[in-house]
N, C-alpha and C. Protein backbone atom coordinates (compact mmCIF):
# COMPACT_ATOMS: atom_id res chain seq x y z
N MET A 1 36.14 10.94 11.39
CA MET A 1 34.99 10.26 12.08
C MET A 1 34.50 11.26 12.75
N ILE A 2 35.00 12.22 13.63
CA ILE A 2 34.48 13.15 14.20
C ILE A 2 34.92 14.75 13.84
N THR A 3 34.12 15.68 13.70
CA THR A 3 34.26 17.15 13.46
C THR A 3 34.03 17.57 14.75
N PHE A 4 35.45 18.01 15.34
CA PHE A 4 35.17 18.91 16.77
C PHE A 4 34.91 20.40 16.40
N PHE A 5 33.95 21.18 17.36
CA PHE A 5 33.89 22.31 17.01
C PHE A 5 33.64 23.28 18.41
N THR A 6 34.29 24.34 18.46
CA THR A 6 34.39 24.81 19.90
C THR A 6 34.20 26.70 19.71
N ILE A 7 34.00 27.09 20.80
CA ILE A 7 33.89 28.61 20.79
C ILE A 7 34.93 28.95 21.98
N PRO A 8 36.31 29.29 21.90
CA PRO A 8 37.12 29.41 23.06
C PRO A 8 36.85 31.18 23.65
N LYS A 9 37.44 31.06 24.74
CA LYS A 9 37.60 32.54 25.17
C LYS A 9 39.05 32.95 24.86
N PRO A 10 39.46 34.09 25.12
CA PRO A 10 40.91 34.83 24.83
C PRO A 10 42.03 33.67 25.21
N PHE A 11 42.91 33.29 24.43
CA PHE A 11 44.11 32.42 24.74
C PHE A 11 45.06 33.19 25.37
N GLU A 12 44.73 33.58 26.66
CA GLU A 12 45.68 34.41 27.68
C GLU A 12 45.74 33.64 28.92
N GLY A 13 47.01 33.91 29.56
CA GLY A 13 47.41 33.13 30.87
C GLY A 13 47.03 31.91 31.03
N HIS A 14 46.58 31.52 32.03
CA HIS A 14 46.29 30.11 32.39
C HIS A 14 45.15 29.39 31.71
N ILE A 15 44.05 30.18 31.07
CA ILE A 15 43.07 29.92 30.47
C ILE A 15 43.65 29.45 28.81
N GLY A 16 44.55 30.21 28.72
CA GLY A 16 45.06 30.12 27.38
C GLY A 16 45.70 28.33 27.21
N THR A 17 46.50 28.25 28.32
CA THR A 17 47.21 27.02 28.62
C THR A 17 46.15 25.89 28.29
N ILE A 18 45.04 26.13 29.36
CA ILE A 18 43.89 25.08 29.43
C ILE A 18 43.65 24.79 28.00
N GLN A 19 43.17 25.84 27.24
CA GLN A 19 42.43 25.56 25.96
C GLN A 19 43.36 25.20 25.02
N ARG A 20 44.77 25.54 25.01
CA ARG A 20 45.75 24.53 23.86
C ARG A 20 45.91 23.12 24.10
N ASN A 21 45.94 22.89 25.39
CA ASN A 21 45.86 21.32 26.04
C ASN A 21 44.93 20.63 25.42
N ALA A 22 43.54 21.37 25.58
CA ALA A 22 42.18 20.53 25.22
C ALA A 22 42.33 20.30 23.56
N LEU A 23 42.39 21.70 22.96
CA LEU A 23 42.47 21.44 21.59
C LEU A 23 43.45 20.27 21.03
N ALA A 24 44.67 20.26 21.58
CA ALA A 24 45.67 19.07 21.28
C ALA A 24 44.99 18.00 21.47
N SER A 25 44.65 17.72 22.65
CA SER A 25 43.76 16.44 22.90
C SER A 25 42.92 15.95 22.15
N TRP A 26 41.97 16.86 21.33
CA TRP A 26 41.09 16.45 20.41
C TRP A 26 41.79 15.97 19.01
N THR A 27 42.86 16.31 18.92
CA THR A 27 43.73 15.91 17.59
C THR A 27 44.12 14.40 17.80
N SER A 28 44.18 14.07 19.13
CA SER A 28 44.93 12.69 19.20
C SER A 28 43.59 11.67 19.32
N VAL A 29 42.46 12.17 19.38
CA VAL A 29 41.34 11.15 19.58
C VAL A 29 41.11 10.44 18.43
N ASP A 30 41.09 11.13 17.19
CA ASP A 30 40.83 10.46 15.98
C ASP A 30 41.81 10.81 14.91
N PRO A 31 42.69 10.11 14.21
CA PRO A 31 43.45 10.71 13.28
C PRO A 31 42.86 11.34 11.96
N ALA A 32 41.46 10.91 11.81
CA ALA A 32 40.97 11.73 10.81
C ALA A 32 40.10 12.81 11.23
N GLY A 33 40.15 13.30 12.30
CA GLY A 33 39.57 14.19 12.98
C GLY A 33 39.59 15.45 12.37
N GLN A 34 38.65 16.57 12.65
CA GLN A 34 38.78 17.91 12.26
C GLN A 34 38.24 18.49 13.40
N VAL A 35 39.02 19.76 13.69
CA VAL A 35 38.85 20.65 14.57
C VAL A 35 38.49 22.10 13.87
N LEU A 36 37.18 22.66 14.57
CA LEU A 36 36.97 24.12 14.18
C LEU A 36 37.07 25.03 15.12
N VAL A 37 37.97 26.01 15.14
CA VAL A 37 37.96 27.13 15.98
C VAL A 37 36.99 28.18 15.72
N LEU A 38 35.99 28.38 16.41
CA LEU A 38 35.08 29.45 16.00
C LEU A 38 35.24 30.70 16.58
N GLY A 39 35.27 31.73 16.23
CA GLY A 39 35.25 33.41 16.78
C GLY A 39 36.54 33.88 16.61
N ASP A 40 36.74 34.98 16.86
CA ASP A 40 37.89 36.15 16.45
C ASP A 40 38.61 36.46 18.14
N GLU A 41 38.39 35.65 19.05
CA GLU A 41 39.17 36.05 20.34
C GLU A 41 40.15 35.98 20.42
N THR A 42 41.18 36.86 21.05
CA THR A 42 42.46 36.77 21.22
C THR A 42 43.20 35.51 21.05
N GLY A 43 44.16 35.31 20.01
CA GLY A 43 45.12 34.07 20.12
C GLY A 43 44.46 32.85 19.36
N ALA A 44 42.95 33.05 19.07
CA ALA A 44 42.37 31.90 18.53
C ALA A 44 43.19 31.44 17.06
N ALA A 45 43.47 32.14 16.15
CA ALA A 45 43.81 32.06 14.94
C ALA A 45 45.38 31.11 15.26
N ASP A 46 46.17 31.40 16.25
CA ASP A 46 47.49 31.25 16.41
C ASP A 46 47.41 29.69 17.12
N ALA A 47 46.35 29.67 17.91
CA ALA A 47 46.41 28.46 18.40
C ALA A 47 45.69 27.18 17.55
N ALA A 48 44.72 27.77 16.75
CA ALA A 48 44.35 26.63 15.64
C ALA A 48 45.48 26.39 15.09
N ALA A 49 46.27 27.03 14.28
CA ALA A 49 47.42 27.03 13.54
C ALA A 49 48.41 25.98 14.30
N GLU A 50 48.58 26.09 15.38
CA GLU A 50 49.50 25.35 16.19
C GLU A 50 49.24 23.66 16.03
N ILE A 51 48.00 23.28 15.88
CA ILE A 51 47.29 22.00 16.05
C ILE A 51 46.94 21.57 14.42
N GLY A 52 46.94 22.41 13.49
CA GLY A 52 46.57 22.34 12.26
C GLY A 52 44.84 22.35 11.90
N ALA A 53 44.39 22.94 13.16
CA ALA A 53 42.90 23.13 13.01
C ALA A 53 42.51 24.38 12.15
N GLU A 54 41.24 24.46 11.94
CA GLU A 54 40.84 25.37 11.02
C GLU A 54 40.11 26.57 12.04
N HIS A 55 40.57 27.80 11.77
CA HIS A 55 40.23 28.94 12.31
C HIS A 55 38.83 29.61 11.43
N VAL A 56 37.66 29.66 12.12
CA VAL A 56 36.80 30.42 11.36
C VAL A 56 36.22 31.91 12.47
N PRO A 57 36.76 32.81 11.77
CA PRO A 57 36.56 33.95 12.87
C PRO A 57 35.17 34.59 12.84
N GLU A 58 34.34 34.19 11.47
CA GLU A 58 33.12 34.95 11.57
C GLU A 58 32.19 33.99 12.29
N LEU A 59 31.49 34.52 13.40
CA LEU A 59 30.57 34.05 14.11
C LEU A 59 29.54 34.91 14.70
N PRO A 60 28.16 34.48 14.37
CA PRO A 60 27.10 35.26 14.69
C PRO A 60 26.93 35.59 16.11
N ARG A 61 26.47 36.71 16.53
CA ARG A 61 26.37 37.47 17.83
C ARG A 61 25.09 38.01 18.02
N HIS A 62 24.47 38.22 19.26
CA HIS A 62 23.33 39.04 19.39
C HIS A 62 24.09 40.59 19.71
N GLU A 63 22.83 41.12 20.08
CA GLU A 63 23.28 42.50 20.05
C GLU A 63 24.50 43.34 21.04
N HIS A 64 24.53 42.27 21.86
CA HIS A 64 25.66 42.64 23.17
C HIS A 64 26.97 41.86 22.82
N GLY A 65 26.86 41.25 21.58
CA GLY A 65 28.42 40.55 21.38
C GLY A 65 28.39 39.36 21.52
N THR A 66 27.32 38.65 22.38
CA THR A 66 27.68 37.24 22.96
C THR A 66 27.48 36.26 21.54
N PRO A 67 28.21 35.43 21.48
CA PRO A 67 28.20 34.22 20.46
C PRO A 67 26.80 33.56 20.46
N LEU A 68 26.06 32.96 19.58
CA LEU A 68 24.95 32.45 19.25
C LEU A 68 25.28 31.03 18.99
N LEU A 69 24.69 30.07 19.61
CA LEU A 69 24.41 28.83 19.52
C LEU A 69 24.27 28.36 18.25
N ASP A 70 23.09 28.64 17.44
CA ASP A 70 22.59 28.26 16.43
C ASP A 70 23.42 28.62 15.36
N GLY A 71 24.12 29.80 15.40
CA GLY A 71 25.24 30.05 14.29
C GLY A 71 26.23 29.22 14.39
N ALA A 72 26.83 28.75 15.55
CA ALA A 72 27.90 27.93 15.77
C ALA A 72 27.66 26.68 14.89
N PHE A 73 26.31 26.23 15.34
CA PHE A 73 26.02 24.79 14.81
C PHE A 73 25.91 24.77 13.35
N ARG A 74 25.49 25.63 12.87
CA ARG A 74 25.16 25.88 11.55
C ARG A 74 26.59 25.82 10.51
N ILE A 75 27.53 26.81 11.25
CA ILE A 75 28.98 26.76 10.44
C ILE A 75 29.46 25.44 10.64
N ALA A 76 29.23 24.76 11.86
CA ALA A 76 29.94 23.30 11.93
C ALA A 76 29.35 22.30 10.95
N ALA A 77 27.99 22.55 10.66
CA ALA A 77 27.35 21.59 9.68
C ALA A 77 27.82 22.00 8.52
N GLY A 78 28.11 23.15 8.06
CA GLY A 78 28.23 23.03 6.69
C GLY A 78 29.85 23.07 6.56
N ARG A 79 30.78 23.02 7.39
CA ARG A 79 32.30 22.85 7.15
C ARG A 79 32.58 21.40 7.68
N ARG A 80 31.84 20.61 8.03
CA ARG A 80 32.24 19.29 8.64
C ARG A 80 32.84 18.52 7.28
N ARG A 81 33.65 17.56 7.69
CA ARG A 81 34.09 16.63 6.79
C ARG A 81 34.34 15.23 7.17
N ASN A 82 33.67 15.22 8.41
CA ASN A 82 33.21 13.71 9.03
C ASN A 82 31.84 13.42 9.21
N GLU A 83 31.47 12.26 9.74
CA GLU A 83 30.11 11.81 9.78
C GLU A 83 29.61 12.36 11.13
N LEU A 84 30.21 12.37 12.10
CA LEU A 84 30.11 13.02 13.29
C LEU A 84 30.43 14.45 13.70
N LEU A 85 29.46 14.91 14.53
CA LEU A 85 29.99 16.29 15.09
C LEU A 85 30.08 16.29 16.66
N CYS A 86 31.12 17.14 17.24
CA CYS A 86 31.26 17.18 18.61
C CYS A 86 31.37 18.77 18.87
N TYR A 87 30.28 19.26 19.73
CA TYR A 87 30.25 20.62 20.45
C TYR A 87 30.84 20.44 21.57
N VAL A 88 31.97 21.15 21.78
CA VAL A 88 32.61 20.96 23.18
C VAL A 88 33.16 22.31 23.64
N ASN A 89 33.22 22.41 25.06
CA ASN A 89 33.84 23.42 25.86
C ASN A 89 35.30 23.41 25.48
N THR A 90 35.88 24.71 25.53
CA THR A 90 37.51 24.57 25.20
C THR A 90 38.34 24.26 26.42
N ASP A 91 37.97 23.84 27.24
CA ASP A 91 38.86 23.29 28.65
C ASP A 91 38.53 22.26 28.90
N ILE A 92 38.22 21.14 27.88
CA ILE A 92 37.83 19.73 28.09
C ILE A 92 39.07 18.85 27.41
N LEU A 93 39.74 18.19 28.26
CA LEU A 93 40.68 17.19 27.68
C LEU A 93 39.81 15.90 27.26
N PHE A 94 40.06 15.27 26.01
CA PHE A 94 39.35 14.18 25.61
C PHE A 94 40.31 13.00 25.65
N PRO A 95 40.32 11.83 26.42
CA PRO A 95 41.08 10.70 25.99
C PRO A 95 40.61 9.95 24.78
N ARG A 96 41.25 9.09 24.24
CA ARG A 96 41.23 8.36 22.93
C ARG A 96 39.99 7.55 22.97
N SER A 97 39.45 7.03 24.22
CA SER A 97 38.33 6.16 24.35
C SER A 97 37.11 6.96 23.92
N LEU A 98 37.03 8.49 23.63
CA LEU A 98 36.02 9.19 23.00
C LEU A 98 35.53 8.53 21.75
N ALA A 99 36.73 8.29 20.77
CA ALA A 99 36.24 7.63 19.63
C ALA A 99 35.56 6.11 19.64
N ASP A 100 35.97 5.27 20.78
CA ASP A 100 35.17 4.09 20.84
C ASP A 100 33.86 4.26 21.10
N ALA A 101 33.56 5.46 22.10
CA ALA A 101 32.34 5.60 22.30
C ALA A 101 31.52 5.96 21.50
N ALA A 102 32.03 7.00 20.38
CA ALA A 102 31.30 7.19 19.25
C ALA A 102 30.86 6.02 18.36
N ARG A 103 31.91 5.03 18.19
CA ARG A 103 31.80 4.02 17.40
C ARG A 103 30.68 3.09 17.90
N ALA A 104 30.70 3.08 19.30
CA ALA A 104 29.74 2.21 19.69
C ALA A 104 28.28 2.80 19.64
N ALA A 105 28.08 3.81 19.87
CA ALA A 105 26.87 4.73 19.61
C ALA A 105 26.35 4.62 17.93
N ALA A 106 27.55 4.65 17.12
CA ALA A 106 27.00 4.81 15.70
C ALA A 106 26.55 3.15 15.24
N SER A 107 27.25 2.12 16.06
CA SER A 107 26.55 0.69 15.76
C SER A 107 24.86 0.85 16.02
N LEU A 108 24.20 1.61 16.58
CA LEU A 108 22.94 1.80 16.83
C LEU A 108 22.12 1.98 15.61
N GLN A 109 22.83 2.72 14.46
CA GLN A 109 22.24 2.85 13.25
C GLN A 109 21.06 3.71 13.15
N ARG A 110 21.23 4.89 14.10
CA ARG A 110 19.79 5.74 14.30
C ARG A 110 20.50 6.81 14.68
N PRO A 111 19.81 7.99 14.65
CA PRO A 111 20.43 9.39 15.14
C PRO A 111 20.73 9.15 16.76
N PHE A 112 21.80 9.58 16.75
CA PHE A 112 22.30 9.50 18.62
C PHE A 112 23.03 10.89 18.97
N LEU A 113 22.92 10.89 20.11
CA LEU A 113 23.69 11.88 20.96
C LEU A 113 24.62 11.21 22.21
N VAL A 114 25.88 11.53 22.28
CA VAL A 114 26.66 11.08 23.27
C VAL A 114 27.16 12.09 24.16
N ILE A 115 26.86 11.97 25.57
CA ILE A 115 27.07 13.04 26.70
C ILE A 115 27.79 12.08 27.59
N GLY A 116 28.30 13.02 28.63
CA GLY A 116 28.90 12.38 29.69
C GLY A 116 29.42 13.45 30.83
N GLU A 117 29.45 13.33 31.87
CA GLU A 117 29.60 13.99 32.98
C GLU A 117 31.35 14.09 32.95
N CYS A 118 31.82 15.41 33.34
CA CYS A 118 33.19 15.62 33.18
C CYS A 118 33.70 15.78 34.67
N TRP A 119 35.03 16.07 34.75
CA TRP A 119 35.62 15.85 35.95
C TRP A 119 36.68 17.16 36.09
N ASN A 120 36.62 18.02 37.26
CA ASN A 120 37.53 18.93 37.19
C ASN A 120 38.78 18.83 37.83
N VAL A 121 39.93 19.19 37.27
CA VAL A 121 40.93 18.87 37.51
C VAL A 121 42.20 19.90 37.24
N ARG A 122 43.07 20.57 38.19
CA ARG A 122 43.90 21.71 37.56
C ARG A 122 44.96 21.20 37.19
N VAL A 123 45.41 21.72 35.91
CA VAL A 123 46.63 21.43 34.95
C VAL A 123 47.19 22.96 34.40
N ASP A 124 48.22 23.04 35.14
CA ASP A 124 48.83 24.34 34.93
C ASP A 124 49.90 24.53 33.85
N ASP A 125 50.36 23.53 33.25
CA ASP A 125 51.16 23.43 32.24
C ASP A 125 50.91 22.76 30.94
N ARG A 126 51.58 23.10 29.83
CA ARG A 126 51.42 22.34 28.53
C ARG A 126 51.51 20.87 28.70
N VAL A 127 50.63 19.98 28.12
CA VAL A 127 50.82 18.54 28.30
C VAL A 127 50.83 18.30 26.78
N ASP A 128 51.61 16.68 26.78
CA ASP A 128 51.47 16.01 25.68
C ASP A 128 50.39 15.27 25.48
N PRO A 129 49.50 15.40 24.51
CA PRO A 129 48.30 14.66 24.53
C PRO A 129 48.41 12.89 24.08
N ASP A 130 49.47 12.58 23.86
CA ASP A 130 49.61 11.19 23.93
C ASP A 130 50.45 10.64 24.80
N ALA A 131 50.66 11.44 25.96
CA ALA A 131 51.69 11.27 27.08
C ALA A 131 50.51 11.17 28.33
N ILE A 132 49.30 11.68 28.43
CA ILE A 132 48.53 12.02 29.66
C ILE A 132 48.50 10.72 30.46
N ASP A 133 48.68 10.92 31.75
CA ASP A 133 48.67 9.82 32.54
C ASP A 133 47.10 10.00 32.98
N TRP A 134 46.19 9.62 32.59
CA TRP A 134 44.59 9.89 32.72
C TRP A 134 44.39 9.24 34.39
N PRO A 135 45.07 7.97 34.77
CA PRO A 135 44.67 7.74 36.06
C PRO A 135 45.25 8.53 37.06
N ALA A 136 46.15 9.21 36.83
CA ALA A 136 46.87 10.01 38.05
C ALA A 136 45.97 11.43 37.88
N LEU A 137 45.55 11.69 36.73
CA LEU A 137 44.64 12.72 36.88
C LEU A 137 43.38 12.68 37.48
N LEU A 138 42.98 11.61 37.64
CA LEU A 138 41.51 11.20 37.86
C LEU A 138 41.52 11.39 39.47
N ARG A 139 42.88 10.73 39.82
CA ARG A 139 42.87 10.46 41.31
C ARG A 139 42.86 12.00 42.07
N ARG A 140 43.24 13.05 41.21
CA ARG A 140 42.93 14.55 42.08
C ARG A 140 41.82 15.22 41.44
N ALA A 141 41.15 14.39 40.74
CA ALA A 141 39.90 15.29 40.17
C ALA A 141 38.67 15.15 40.89
N ARG A 142 37.60 16.07 40.78
CA ARG A 142 36.48 15.69 41.06
C ARG A 142 35.29 15.97 40.12
N LYS A 143 34.09 15.11 40.25
CA LYS A 143 33.10 15.24 39.33
C LYS A 143 32.67 16.56 39.11
N ARG A 144 32.13 16.95 38.28
CA ARG A 144 31.55 18.54 38.14
C ARG A 144 30.02 18.21 38.39
N GLY A 145 29.48 17.11 38.26
CA GLY A 145 28.00 17.03 38.62
C GLY A 145 27.11 16.65 37.53
N ALA A 146 26.19 15.99 37.52
CA ALA A 146 25.22 15.75 36.18
C ALA A 146 24.82 16.76 35.45
N ASP A 147 24.40 18.13 36.32
CA ASP A 147 23.84 19.21 35.55
C ASP A 147 24.81 19.88 34.60
N ALA A 148 26.07 19.44 34.57
CA ALA A 148 27.05 20.45 33.79
C ALA A 148 27.37 19.39 32.70
N ILE A 149 27.23 19.52 31.36
CA ILE A 149 27.46 18.91 30.32
C ILE A 149 28.21 19.53 29.43
N ASP A 150 29.40 19.21 28.98
CA ASP A 150 30.33 19.90 28.51
C ASP A 150 30.80 19.31 27.00
N TYR A 151 30.23 18.26 26.69
CA TYR A 151 30.49 18.02 25.31
C TYR A 151 29.37 17.07 24.72
N PHE A 152 29.15 17.12 23.44
CA PHE A 152 27.94 16.44 22.53
C PHE A 152 28.33 16.01 21.38
N VAL A 153 28.52 14.82 21.26
CA VAL A 153 28.82 13.86 20.03
C VAL A 153 27.38 13.55 19.42
N TYR A 154 27.26 13.97 18.34
CA TYR A 154 25.92 13.69 17.60
C TYR A 154 25.96 13.56 16.15
N THR A 155 24.97 12.87 15.77
CA THR A 155 24.74 12.93 14.14
C THR A 155 24.31 14.06 13.45
N PRO A 156 24.64 14.23 12.35
CA PRO A 156 24.20 15.82 11.76
C PRO A 156 22.68 15.92 11.54
N GLU A 157 21.88 14.85 11.37
CA GLU A 157 20.54 15.07 11.12
C GLU A 157 20.01 15.73 12.49
N LEU A 158 20.43 15.84 13.64
CA LEU A 158 20.15 16.54 14.83
C LEU A 158 20.36 18.05 14.89
N TYR A 159 19.39 18.96 15.59
CA TYR A 159 19.82 20.20 15.79
C TYR A 159 19.86 21.27 14.62
N ASP A 160 18.93 21.10 13.80
CA ASP A 160 18.95 21.92 12.57
C ASP A 160 17.87 23.11 12.94
N ASP A 161 17.39 23.07 13.82
CA ASP A 161 16.36 24.23 14.44
C ASP A 161 16.75 24.89 15.83
N ILE A 162 18.03 25.02 16.04
CA ILE A 162 18.24 25.43 17.62
C ILE A 162 17.82 26.70 17.47
N PRO A 163 16.95 27.11 18.83
CA PRO A 163 17.08 28.67 19.15
C PRO A 163 18.24 29.35 19.40
N PRO A 164 18.13 30.55 19.13
CA PRO A 164 19.28 31.40 19.30
C PRO A 164 19.84 31.65 20.78
N PHE A 165 20.21 30.67 21.36
CA PHE A 165 20.75 30.74 22.81
C PHE A 165 22.06 31.52 22.56
N SER A 166 22.19 32.31 23.67
CA SER A 166 23.75 32.91 23.90
C SER A 166 24.54 32.01 24.79
N VAL A 167 25.61 31.81 23.90
CA VAL A 167 26.68 30.77 24.54
C VAL A 167 27.20 31.49 25.93
N GLY A 168 27.30 30.36 26.59
CA GLY A 168 27.71 30.61 28.18
C GLY A 168 26.30 30.89 29.01
N ARG A 169 25.38 30.88 28.60
CA ARG A 169 24.02 31.20 29.36
C ARG A 169 23.60 29.78 29.84
N PRO A 170 22.92 29.85 31.09
CA PRO A 170 22.52 28.65 31.66
C PRO A 170 21.65 27.69 30.95
N ALA A 171 21.76 26.48 30.81
CA ALA A 171 20.83 25.33 30.75
C ALA A 171 20.48 25.14 29.20
N PHE A 172 21.36 25.66 28.09
CA PHE A 172 21.19 25.38 26.89
C PHE A 172 21.45 23.97 26.69
N ASP A 173 22.59 23.58 27.48
CA ASP A 173 23.09 22.31 27.09
C ASP A 173 21.77 21.09 27.83
N ASN A 174 20.97 21.67 28.69
CA ASN A 174 19.96 20.64 29.08
C ASN A 174 18.85 20.71 27.90
N TRP A 175 18.45 21.70 27.25
CA TRP A 175 17.66 21.84 26.14
C TRP A 175 18.36 20.80 24.84
N LEU A 176 19.87 20.71 24.75
CA LEU A 176 20.30 19.89 23.74
C LEU A 176 19.99 18.67 23.88
N VAL A 177 19.93 17.82 25.13
CA VAL A 177 19.79 16.89 25.53
C VAL A 177 18.15 16.47 25.35
N TRP A 178 17.19 17.24 25.70
CA TRP A 178 15.81 17.21 25.76
C TRP A 178 15.57 17.05 24.01
N LYS A 179 15.80 17.78 23.34
CA LYS A 179 15.72 17.90 21.94
C LYS A 179 16.01 16.72 21.23
N ALA A 180 17.21 16.29 21.52
CA ALA A 180 17.54 14.80 21.04
C ALA A 180 16.57 13.77 21.43
N ARG A 181 16.12 13.59 22.66
CA ARG A 181 15.32 12.80 23.30
C ARG A 181 13.65 13.06 22.56
N ASP A 182 13.56 14.30 22.59
CA ASP A 182 12.07 14.41 21.96
C ASP A 182 12.07 14.19 20.19
N ASP A 183 13.34 14.42 19.90
CA ASP A 183 13.19 13.89 18.40
C ASP A 183 13.20 12.14 18.35
N GLY A 184 13.39 11.57 19.18
CA GLY A 184 13.38 10.13 19.08
C GLY A 184 14.84 9.69 19.04
N ALA A 185 15.86 10.31 19.02
CA ALA A 185 17.30 9.90 19.01
C ALA A 185 17.66 9.13 20.28
N ALA A 186 18.89 8.25 20.15
CA ALA A 186 19.42 7.73 21.34
C ALA A 186 20.16 8.68 22.05
N VAL A 187 20.04 8.70 23.15
CA VAL A 187 21.12 9.43 24.05
C VAL A 187 21.80 8.71 24.83
N VAL A 188 22.99 8.56 24.65
CA VAL A 188 23.75 7.49 25.25
C VAL A 188 24.80 8.48 26.61
N ASP A 189 24.69 7.90 27.71
CA ASP A 189 25.43 8.56 28.81
C ASP A 189 26.58 7.79 28.87
N ALA A 190 27.85 8.45 28.25
CA ALA A 190 28.99 7.85 28.16
C ALA A 190 29.59 7.53 29.54
N THR A 191 29.43 8.32 30.36
CA THR A 191 30.08 8.17 31.78
C THR A 191 29.61 6.77 32.65
N HIS A 192 28.35 6.54 32.51
CA HIS A 192 27.62 5.43 33.12
C HIS A 192 27.24 4.21 32.41
N ARG A 193 26.68 4.42 31.21
CA ARG A 193 26.13 3.28 30.73
C ARG A 193 26.79 2.87 29.45
N LEU A 194 28.12 3.52 28.94
CA LEU A 194 28.52 2.80 27.74
C LEU A 194 29.75 1.74 28.47
N THR A 195 29.45 0.58 28.63
CA THR A 195 30.30 -0.29 29.42
C THR A 195 31.11 -1.24 28.38
N SER A 196 32.06 -2.04 28.61
CA SER A 196 32.88 -2.75 27.98
C SER A 196 32.06 -3.99 27.26
N HIS A 197 30.71 -4.10 27.81
CA HIS A 197 30.19 -5.09 27.03
C HIS A 197 28.89 -4.31 26.00
N GLY A 198 29.15 -3.14 25.79
CA GLY A 198 28.14 -2.44 24.89
C GLY A 198 27.59 -1.41 25.68
N LEU A 199 26.42 -1.21 24.55
CA LEU A 199 25.60 -0.04 25.15
C LEU A 199 24.49 -0.59 26.20
N VAL A 200 24.29 -0.08 27.31
CA VAL A 200 23.29 -0.40 28.22
C VAL A 200 22.14 0.50 28.64
N PRO A 201 20.86 0.56 28.38
CA PRO A 201 19.92 1.35 28.76
C PRO A 201 20.13 1.52 30.06
N ASN A 202 19.88 3.13 30.38
CA ASN A 202 19.69 3.56 31.66
C ASN A 202 18.69 3.34 32.41
N PRO A 203 18.62 2.67 33.48
CA PRO A 203 17.24 2.36 34.04
C PRO A 203 16.57 3.53 34.61
N LEU A 204 15.41 3.76 34.69
CA LEU A 204 14.94 4.58 35.68
C LEU A 204 15.15 4.42 37.21
N GLY A 205 15.01 5.76 37.89
CA GLY A 205 14.95 5.36 39.24
C GLY A 205 15.66 6.76 40.03
N TYR A 206 15.98 6.57 41.16
CA TYR A 206 16.30 7.67 41.74
C TYR A 206 17.65 8.30 41.49
N ARG A 207 18.32 7.51 40.99
CA ARG A 207 19.85 7.80 40.52
C ARG A 207 19.76 8.79 39.42
N HIS A 208 18.68 8.82 38.66
CA HIS A 208 18.71 9.44 37.31
C HIS A 208 17.76 10.71 37.54
N ALA A 209 17.26 10.92 38.83
CA ALA A 209 16.19 12.03 39.09
C ALA A 209 16.81 13.08 38.37
N GLY A 210 17.89 13.33 38.38
CA GLY A 210 18.52 14.73 37.86
C GLY A 210 18.36 14.87 36.41
N GLU A 211 18.26 13.64 35.54
CA GLU A 211 18.09 13.81 34.20
C GLU A 211 16.48 14.37 34.01
N THR A 212 15.59 13.83 34.93
CA THR A 212 14.24 14.02 34.49
C THR A 212 13.93 15.58 34.85
N VAL A 213 14.67 16.16 35.92
CA VAL A 213 14.62 17.50 36.54
C VAL A 213 15.24 18.56 35.11
N ARG A 214 16.32 18.11 34.68
CA ARG A 214 16.93 18.65 33.61
C ARG A 214 16.07 18.77 32.24
N ARG A 215 15.30 17.80 31.93
CA ARG A 215 14.67 17.86 30.87
C ARG A 215 13.31 18.47 31.15
N ALA A 216 12.69 18.48 32.10
CA ALA A 216 11.64 19.58 32.51
C ALA A 216 11.88 20.84 32.47
N TRP A 217 12.94 21.08 33.23
CA TRP A 217 13.51 22.62 33.11
C TRP A 217 13.74 23.08 31.60
N ALA A 218 14.41 22.12 30.59
CA ALA A 218 14.75 22.59 29.33
C ALA A 218 13.23 22.77 28.56
N LYS A 219 12.42 22.12 28.96
CA LYS A 219 10.91 22.04 28.00
C LYS A 219 10.37 23.31 28.65
N LEU A 220 10.59 23.81 30.04
CA LEU A 220 9.85 25.01 30.52
C LEU A 220 10.66 26.12 29.96
N GLY A 221 11.95 26.11 29.80
CA GLY A 221 12.79 27.37 29.24
C GLY A 221 12.33 27.52 27.92
N TYR A 222 12.21 26.44 27.12
CA TYR A 222 12.17 26.65 25.80
C TYR A 222 10.83 27.47 25.49
N ALA A 223 9.72 27.04 26.11
CA ALA A 223 8.44 27.40 26.12
C ALA A 223 8.39 28.80 26.43
N ILE A 224 9.22 29.27 27.47
CA ILE A 224 8.76 30.68 27.69
C ILE A 224 9.93 31.43 27.25
N GLY A 225 11.07 30.90 26.52
CA GLY A 225 12.08 31.87 25.98
C GLY A 225 13.27 32.19 27.12
N LEU A 226 13.42 31.30 28.09
CA LEU A 226 14.28 31.65 29.06
C LEU A 226 16.03 31.65 28.72
N ARG A 227 15.98 30.74 27.61
CA ARG A 227 17.65 30.36 27.23
C ARG A 227 17.97 31.08 26.04
N CYS A 228 17.12 32.25 25.69
CA CYS A 228 17.52 32.79 24.38
C CYS A 228 17.83 34.15 24.75
N SER A 229 18.00 34.38 26.20
CA SER A 229 18.44 35.65 26.26
C SER A 229 20.07 35.61 27.17
């Protein structure tokens, strides 16, 4: 159902543990899932092999060596075995309910993007993705904020013309949301509006002012090239 792809940091120390936990959790989301680990950072090949993921060392970079987002999306599109793609930061643990969110969005039968607000929580040791106590994690977690978007589940027809954003630079995530909206795709907020009763449109109002700001900032940045450096 989902092909996950990511661009990790070196698998060293605590960040190495975090990233290995994240990769393992993705494999538990979908039995037919595919995980692509992009780039040649230290330990990437071994971490991919641990969970049966595919390691793709070749990754386009700009002149200073920073990976380029458009190249990563092209690689994922060319190697995917599933009908959906998910670009995600390598420090994100996913529950199995992500697959339910993706299936609910797919029922719309139109291009879509699923995003959601993430939570920060410290995890020091390796975890079994099939035995994570999610309520316990959430009790000591805090929201990252609506302007921090760390995963994007989307249909392949989106994002065939991404500018050469440098990975890790500010606000490319906001551009991805704006682009999906501008192309007429359904943008689903999995955190707040994907309910047990199905998909509920996000009402406009002061609680969603942050989205309006993000979209405006993304459009401005795309126009003047702020996010390509």
